[in-house]
Amino acid sequence: MDRDQILSEVAGMVREILDLPDLAVNMATTAENVQAWDSFNHINIVVAIEAHFGVKFHTAEIEEVKNVGELVDLVYHKLRARKSG
């Protein structure tokens, strides 16, 4: 799975969780840019991504993520590590 596919799936989850079907989600999107993206919804997004992709994040990893692009990269690297391990 490449980053574009991951972004597409993550964007869909963000739209669904935030109940914003027309939200434009790209690699530069941050929680600060989206009014509905509060701390509660952030947790819901992280949990949904973990379940969807079958990955697990460490708290420190999530704390370092500053935008959707970094989240996509994190998922990408976890999927690659699982595949090669």
N, C-alpha and C. Protein backbone atom coordinates (compact mmCIF):
# COMPACT_ATOMS: atom_id res chain seq x y z
N MET A 1 0.85 -1.17 0.00
CA MET A 1 0.00 0.00 0.00
C MET A 1 0.90 1.24 0.00
N ASP A 2 0.59 2.17 -0.88
CA ASP A 2 1.43 3.37 -0.95
C ASP A 2 0.80 4.51 -0.15
N ARG A 3 1.55 5.61 -0.04
CA ARG A 3 1.10 6.74 0.78
C ARG A 3 -0.21 7.35 0.27
N ASP A 4 -0.39 7.40 -1.05
CA ASP A 4 -1.63 7.96 -1.60
C ASP A 4 -2.85 7.14 -1.18
N GLN A 5 -2.70 5.82 -1.20
CA GLN A 5 -3.81 4.95 -0.77
C GLN A 5 -4.11 5.15 0.71
N ILE A 6 -3.03 5.23 1.50
CA ILE A 6 -3.21 5.43 2.94
C ILE A 6 -3.89 6.78 3.19
N LEU A 7 -3.43 7.83 2.50
CA LEU A 7 -4.03 9.15 2.66
C LEU A 7 -5.52 9.11 2.32
N SER A 8 -5.86 8.44 1.24
CA SER A 8 -7.26 8.35 0.83
C SER A 8 -8.11 7.70 1.92
N GLU A 9 -7.62 6.62 2.49
CA GLU A 9 -8.37 5.91 3.52
C GLU A 9 -8.43 6.70 4.82
N VAL A 10 -7.31 7.33 5.20
CA VAL A 10 -7.28 8.15 6.41
C VAL A 10 -8.23 9.34 6.24
N ALA A 11 -8.20 9.98 5.08
CA ALA A 11 -9.08 11.12 4.82
C ALA A 11 -10.55 10.72 4.97
N GLY A 12 -10.90 9.56 4.45
CA GLY A 12 -12.27 9.07 4.59
C GLY A 12 -12.67 8.87 6.04
N MET A 13 -11.75 8.33 6.83
CA MET A 13 -12.04 8.12 8.25
C MET A 13 -12.19 9.45 8.98
N VAL A 14 -11.32 10.40 8.66
CA VAL A 14 -11.40 11.73 9.29
C VAL A 14 -12.73 12.38 8.96
N ARG A 15 -13.12 12.33 7.70
CA ARG A 15 -14.41 12.92 7.29
C ARG A 15 -15.58 12.27 8.03
N GLU A 16 -15.54 10.96 8.13
CA GLU A 16 -16.63 10.23 8.78
C GLU A 16 -16.69 10.55 10.27
N ILE A 17 -15.56 10.49 10.95
CA ILE A 17 -15.54 10.72 12.39
C ILE A 17 -15.93 12.16 12.73
N LEU A 18 -15.47 13.11 11.93
CA LEU A 18 -15.79 14.51 12.18
C LEU A 18 -17.15 14.90 11.62
N ASP A 19 -17.77 13.99 10.89
CA ASP A 19 -19.06 14.24 10.24
C ASP A 19 -18.99 15.47 9.34
N LEU A 20 -17.91 15.50 8.54
CA LEU A 20 -17.68 16.58 7.58
C LEU A 20 -17.41 15.96 6.21
N PRO A 21 -18.45 15.50 5.51
CA PRO A 21 -18.25 14.77 4.26
C PRO A 21 -17.55 15.56 3.15
N ASP A 22 -17.58 16.87 3.21
CA ASP A 22 -16.95 17.68 2.17
C ASP A 22 -15.58 18.22 2.57
N LEU A 23 -15.07 17.80 3.73
CA LEU A 23 -13.78 18.29 4.21
C LEU A 23 -12.65 17.86 3.27
N ALA A 24 -11.84 18.81 2.85
CA ALA A 24 -10.67 18.50 2.04
C ALA A 24 -9.53 18.14 3.00
N VAL A 25 -9.11 16.89 2.93
CA VAL A 25 -8.03 16.40 3.79
C VAL A 25 -6.84 16.09 2.91
N ASN A 26 -5.70 16.73 3.23
CA ASN A 26 -4.48 16.46 2.48
C ASN A 26 -3.33 16.28 3.47
N MET A 27 -2.14 16.11 2.95
CA MET A 27 -0.98 15.83 3.80
C MET A 27 -0.68 16.98 4.77
N ALA A 28 -1.08 18.20 4.45
CA ALA A 28 -0.79 19.35 5.30
C ALA A 28 -1.89 19.66 6.31
N THR A 29 -3.00 18.93 6.25
CA THR A 29 -4.11 19.18 7.16
C THR A 29 -3.68 18.93 8.60
N THR A 30 -4.06 19.85 9.49
CA THR A 30 -3.78 19.69 10.92
C THR A 30 -5.08 19.82 11.69
N ALA A 31 -5.07 19.37 12.92
CA ALA A 31 -6.25 19.50 13.77
C ALA A 31 -6.60 20.97 13.99
N GLU A 32 -5.59 21.81 14.00
CA GLU A 32 -5.82 23.25 14.21
C GLU A 32 -6.59 23.87 13.04
N ASN A 33 -6.51 23.26 11.85
CA ASN A 33 -7.20 23.77 10.67
C ASN A 33 -8.68 23.37 10.62
N VAL A 34 -9.09 22.45 11.48
CA VAL A 34 -10.44 21.89 11.40
C VAL A 34 -11.12 22.06 12.75
N GLN A 35 -12.13 22.89 12.79
CA GLN A 35 -12.78 23.23 14.05
C GLN A 35 -13.31 22.00 14.80
N ALA A 36 -13.86 21.05 14.10
CA ALA A 36 -14.44 19.88 14.74
C ALA A 36 -13.40 18.88 15.26
N TRP A 37 -12.13 19.08 14.89
CA TRP A 37 -11.08 18.13 15.27
C TRP A 37 -10.54 18.49 16.65
N ASP A 38 -11.27 18.07 17.68
CA ASP A 38 -10.86 18.33 19.05
C ASP A 38 -10.13 17.10 19.61
N SER A 39 -9.76 17.16 20.88
CA SER A 39 -8.97 16.07 21.46
C SER A 39 -9.76 14.76 21.50
N PHE A 40 -11.05 14.83 21.74
CA PHE A 40 -11.88 13.63 21.76
C PHE A 40 -11.91 12.98 20.37
N ASN A 41 -12.15 13.79 19.35
CA ASN A 41 -12.18 13.26 17.99
C ASN A 41 -10.79 12.79 17.54
N HIS A 42 -9.75 13.42 18.07
CA HIS A 42 -8.40 12.99 17.73
C HIS A 42 -8.18 11.55 18.19
N ILE A 43 -8.62 11.26 19.40
CA ILE A 43 -8.49 9.89 19.92
C ILE A 43 -9.30 8.93 19.05
N ASN A 44 -10.50 9.32 18.69
CA ASN A 44 -11.34 8.47 17.83
C ASN A 44 -10.68 8.21 16.48
N ILE A 45 -10.06 9.22 15.91
CA ILE A 45 -9.36 9.07 14.63
C ILE A 45 -8.19 8.10 14.77
N VAL A 46 -7.39 8.28 15.81
CA VAL A 46 -6.23 7.40 16.03
C VAL A 46 -6.67 5.95 16.21
N VAL A 47 -7.69 5.74 17.03
CA VAL A 47 -8.18 4.37 17.29
C VAL A 47 -8.73 3.76 16.00
N ALA A 48 -9.46 4.54 15.22
CA ALA A 48 -10.02 4.04 13.95
C ALA A 48 -8.91 3.66 12.98
N ILE A 49 -7.86 4.46 12.92
CA ILE A 49 -6.74 4.17 12.02
C ILE A 49 -6.03 2.90 12.47
N GLU A 50 -5.81 2.76 13.77
CA GLU A 50 -5.17 1.55 14.28
C GLU A 50 -5.98 0.30 13.90
N ALA A 51 -7.28 0.37 14.11
CA ALA A 51 -8.14 -0.78 13.81
C ALA A 51 -8.18 -1.06 12.31
N HIS A 52 -8.31 -0.02 11.51
CA HIS A 52 -8.44 -0.18 10.06
C HIS A 52 -7.19 -0.79 9.44
N PHE A 53 -6.03 -0.30 9.84
CA PHE A 53 -4.77 -0.76 9.24
C PHE A 53 -4.11 -1.90 10.02
N GLY A 54 -4.65 -2.23 11.19
CA GLY A 54 -4.07 -3.30 11.99
C GLY A 54 -2.71 -2.94 12.54
N VAL A 55 -2.54 -1.69 12.93
CA VAL A 55 -1.28 -1.22 13.50
C VAL A 55 -1.54 -0.71 14.91
N LYS A 56 -0.48 -0.52 15.66
CA LYS A 56 -0.58 0.02 17.02
C LYS A 56 0.42 1.15 17.14
N PHE A 57 -0.04 2.28 17.66
CA PHE A 57 0.84 3.43 17.86
C PHE A 57 1.23 3.53 19.33
N HIS A 58 2.44 3.99 19.56
CA HIS A 58 2.89 4.33 20.91
C HIS A 58 2.48 5.78 21.15
N THR A 59 2.20 6.11 22.39
CA THR A 59 1.79 7.47 22.72
C THR A 59 2.81 8.49 22.22
N ALA A 60 4.08 8.22 22.39
CA ALA A 60 5.13 9.15 21.95
C ALA A 60 5.08 9.39 20.45
N GLU A 61 4.74 8.36 19.68
CA GLU A 61 4.64 8.51 18.23
C GLU A 61 3.51 9.47 17.87
N ILE A 62 2.38 9.30 18.50
CA ILE A 62 1.22 10.14 18.21
C ILE A 62 1.47 11.58 18.64
N GLU A 63 2.16 11.76 19.76
CA GLU A 63 2.45 13.11 20.24
C GLU A 63 3.34 13.88 19.27
N GLU A 64 4.16 13.17 18.49
CA GLU A 64 5.08 13.81 17.55
C GLU A 64 4.41 14.17 16.22
N VAL A 65 3.27 13.58 15.93
CA VAL A 65 2.59 13.81 14.65
C VAL A 65 2.00 15.22 14.62
N LYS A 66 2.38 15.99 13.60
CA LYS A 66 1.94 17.38 13.51
C LYS A 66 0.90 17.63 12.43
N ASN A 67 0.75 16.68 11.49
CA ASN A 67 -0.24 16.84 10.42
C ASN A 67 -0.61 15.48 9.86
N VAL A 68 -1.57 15.47 8.97
CA VAL A 68 -2.04 14.22 8.37
C VAL A 68 -0.91 13.52 7.62
N GLY A 69 -0.04 14.27 6.97
CA GLY A 69 1.07 13.68 6.24
C GLY A 69 1.99 12.86 7.14
N GLU A 70 2.27 13.38 8.31
CA GLU A 70 3.12 12.63 9.25
C GLU A 70 2.39 11.39 9.76
N LEU A 71 1.09 11.48 9.92
CA LEU A 71 0.30 10.31 10.33
C LEU A 71 0.31 9.26 9.23
N VAL A 72 0.16 9.69 7.99
CA VAL A 72 0.22 8.78 6.84
C VAL A 72 1.59 8.10 6.79
N ASP A 73 2.65 8.87 6.98
CA ASP A 73 4.00 8.30 6.97
C ASP A 73 4.18 7.28 8.08
N LEU A 74 3.63 7.56 9.25
CA LEU A 74 3.72 6.64 10.38
C LEU A 74 3.02 5.32 10.04
N VAL A 75 1.84 5.40 9.49
CA VAL A 75 1.11 4.19 9.09
C VAL A 75 1.91 3.44 8.02
N TYR A 76 2.41 4.17 7.04
CA TYR A 76 3.20 3.57 5.94
C TYR A 76 4.39 2.78 6.49
N HIS A 77 5.14 3.38 7.40
CA HIS A 77 6.32 2.71 7.95
C HIS A 77 5.94 1.51 8.82
N LYS A 78 4.84 1.61 9.55
CA LYS A 78 4.41 0.47 10.36
C LYS A 78 3.97 -0.70 9.47
N LEU A 79 3.28 -0.40 8.38
CA LEU A 79 2.86 -1.45 7.45
C LEU A 79 4.07 -2.10 6.80
N ARG A 80 5.05 -1.30 6.42
CA ARG A 80 6.28 -1.84 5.80
C ARG A 80 7.06 -2.70 6.78
N ALA A 81 7.15 -2.24 8.03
CA ALA A 81 7.87 -3.00 9.05
C ALA A 81 7.20 -4.34 9.30
N ARG A 82 5.88 -4.35 9.31
CA ARG A 82 5.14 -5.58 9.52
C ARG A 82 5.35 -6.54 8.37
N LYS A 83 5.39 -5.99 7.16
CA LYS A 83 5.56 -6.81 5.95
C LYS A 83 6.96 -7.44 5.91
N SER A 84 7.99 -6.66 6.32
CA SER A 84 9.36 -7.17 6.23
C SER A 84 9.74 -7.99 7.47
N GLY A 85 8.96 -7.85 8.54
CA GLY A 85 9.29 -8.55 9.78
C GLY A 85 8.60 -9.82 9.88
